[in-house]
Amino acid sequence: MKNSNYPTAQWLMYATLRLLISNCRNKQSEFLSFSPAYNDTFLSNLNLEVDSAEALPSEEMRAQEHSQLLE
């Protein structure tokens, strides 16, 4: 089986991303002064992307599904 690209658990990466997005929301005026791209729509879309990525099956699940198809 392929080794993961990151030396941490996936749940921790998703939690970190959500924390970063939350912190950006808390200091949104500062981020907006840096770039107008950090608006509510952008941050909401980031949250949706994290949710979508987290909902994907793990590599182990995909490998198991693939091996079941080969049987």
C-alpha atoms as a PDB file:
ATOM      1  CA  MET A   1       0.000   0.000   0.000  1.00  0.00           C
ATOM      2  CA  LYS A   2       1.154   3.524  -0.766  1.00  0.00           C
ATOM      3  CA  ASN A   3       2.502   5.572   2.124  1.00  0.00           C
ATOM      4  CA  SER A   4       0.803   8.877   2.864  1.00  0.00           C
ATOM      5  CA  ASN A   5       2.390  12.083   1.630  1.00  0.00           C
ATOM      6  CA  TYR A   6       2.014  13.807   4.993  1.00  0.00           C
ATOM      7  CA  PRO A   7       3.440  12.749   8.350  1.00  0.00           C
ATOM      8  CA  THR A   8       0.220  13.501  10.231  1.00  0.00           C
ATOM      9  CA  ALA A   9      -3.316  12.193  10.498  1.00  0.00           C
ATOM     10  CA  GLN A  10      -5.852  13.426   7.972  1.00  0.00           C
ATOM     11  CA  TRP A  11      -8.306  14.496  10.668  1.00  0.00           C
ATOM     12  CA  LEU A  12      -5.600  16.781  12.076  1.00  0.00           C
ATOM     13  CA  MET A  13      -5.032  18.400   8.683  1.00  0.00           C
ATOM     14  CA  TYR A  14      -8.761  19.035   8.259  1.00  0.00           C
ATOM     15  CA  ALA A  15      -9.014  20.449  11.794  1.00  0.00           C
ATOM     16  CA  THR A  16      -6.034  22.716  11.096  1.00  0.00           C
ATOM     17  CA  LEU A  17      -7.590  23.979   7.873  1.00  0.00           C
ATOM     18  CA  ARG A  18     -10.858  24.720   9.658  1.00  0.00           C
ATOM     19  CA  LEU A  19      -8.950  26.566  12.388  1.00  0.00           C
ATOM     20  CA  LEU A  20      -7.105  28.636   9.781  1.00  0.00           C
ATOM     21  CA  ILE A  21     -10.371  29.538   8.052  1.00  0.00           C
ATOM     22  CA  SER A  22     -11.946  30.414  11.392  1.00  0.00           C
ATOM     23  CA  ASN A  23      -9.006  32.635  12.328  1.00  0.00           C
ATOM     24  CA  CYS A  24      -9.242  34.330   8.948  1.00  0.00           C
ATOM     25  CA  ARG A  25     -12.929  35.043   9.627  1.00  0.00           C
ATOM     26  CA  ASN A  26     -12.085  36.450  13.060  1.00  0.00           C
ATOM     27  CA  LYS A  27      -9.559  38.844  11.533  1.00  0.00           C
ATOM     28  CA  GLN A  28     -11.308  39.270   8.218  1.00  0.00           C
ATOM     29  CA  SER A  29     -10.936  43.055   8.131  1.00  0.00           C
ATOM     30  CA  GLU A  30      -7.161  42.667   8.340  1.00  0.00           C
ATOM     31  CA  PHE A  31      -7.171  40.014   5.627  1.00  0.00           C
ATOM     32  CA  LEU A  32      -9.418  42.155   3.427  1.00  0.00           C
ATOM     33  CA  SER A  33      -6.992  45.057   3.749  1.00  0.00           C
ATOM     34  CA  PHE A  34      -4.306  42.695   2.462  1.00  0.00           C
ATOM     35  CA  SER A  35      -6.453  41.375  -0.393  1.00  0.00           C
ATOM     36  CA  PRO A  36     -10.145  41.752  -1.278  1.00  0.00           C
ATOM     37  CA  ALA A  37     -10.221  38.051  -2.163  1.00  0.00           C
ATOM     38  CA  TYR A  38     -10.682  37.082   1.503  1.00  0.00           C
ATOM     39  CA  ASN A  39     -14.422  37.745   1.489  1.00  0.00           C
ATOM     40  CA  ASP A  40     -17.239  35.653   2.991  1.00  0.00           C
ATOM     41  CA  THR A  41     -17.859  33.771  -0.249  1.00  0.00           C
ATOM     42  CA  PHE A  42     -14.213  32.767  -0.538  1.00  0.00           C
ATOM     43  CA  LEU A  43     -14.075  31.531   3.058  1.00  0.00           C
ATOM     44  CA  SER A  44     -17.379  29.668   2.735  1.00  0.00           C
ATOM     45  CA  ASN A  45     -16.114  27.973  -0.419  1.00  0.00           C
ATOM     46  CA  LEU A  46     -12.929  26.962   1.392  1.00  0.00           C
ATOM     47  CA  ASN A  47     -15.023  25.356   4.118  1.00  0.00           C
ATOM     48  CA  LEU A  48     -17.049  23.496   1.483  1.00  0.00           C
ATOM     49  CA  GLU A  49     -13.862  22.234  -0.166  1.00  0.00           C
ATOM     50  CA  VAL A  50     -12.530  20.954   3.160  1.00  0.00           C
ATOM     51  CA  ASP A  51     -15.873  19.237   3.829  1.00  0.00           C
ATOM     52  CA  SER A  52     -15.835  17.667   0.348  1.00  0.00           C
ATOM     53  CA  ALA A  53     -12.269  16.442   0.726  1.00  0.00           C
ATOM     54  CA  GLU A  54     -12.995  14.980   4.141  1.00  0.00           C
ATOM     55  CA  ALA A  55     -16.042  13.152   2.778  1.00  0.00           C
ATOM     56  CA  LEU A  56     -13.931  11.297   0.205  1.00  0.00           C
ATOM     57  CA  PRO A  57     -13.139   7.683   1.049  1.00  0.00           C
ATOM     58  CA  SER A  58      -9.702   7.023   2.531  1.00  0.00           C
ATOM     59  CA  GLU A  59      -6.961   5.336   0.535  1.00  0.00           C
ATOM     60  CA  GLU A  60      -7.570   2.153   2.492  1.00  0.00           C
ATOM     61  CA  MET A  61     -11.277   2.202   1.583  1.00  0.00           C
ATOM     62  CA  ARG A  62     -10.501   2.840  -2.094  1.00  0.00           C
ATOM     63  CA  ALA A  63      -7.941   0.018  -2.127  1.00  0.00           C
ATOM     64  CA  GLN A  64     -10.439  -2.334  -0.503  1.00  0.00           C
ATOM     65  CA  GLU A  65     -13.140  -1.417  -3.034  1.00  0.00           C
ATOM     66  CA  HIS A  66     -10.675  -1.958  -5.868  1.00  0.00           C
ATOM     67  CA  SER A  67      -9.594  -5.359  -4.588  1.00  0.00           C
ATOM     68  CA  GLN A  68     -13.237  -6.399  -4.182  1.00  0.00           C
ATOM     69  CA  LEU A  69     -13.902  -5.450  -7.794  1.00  0.00           C
ATOM     70  CA  LEU A  70     -10.988  -7.654  -8.899  1.00  0.00           C
ATOM     71  CA  GLU A  71     -12.358 -10.729  -7.111  1.00  0.00           C
END
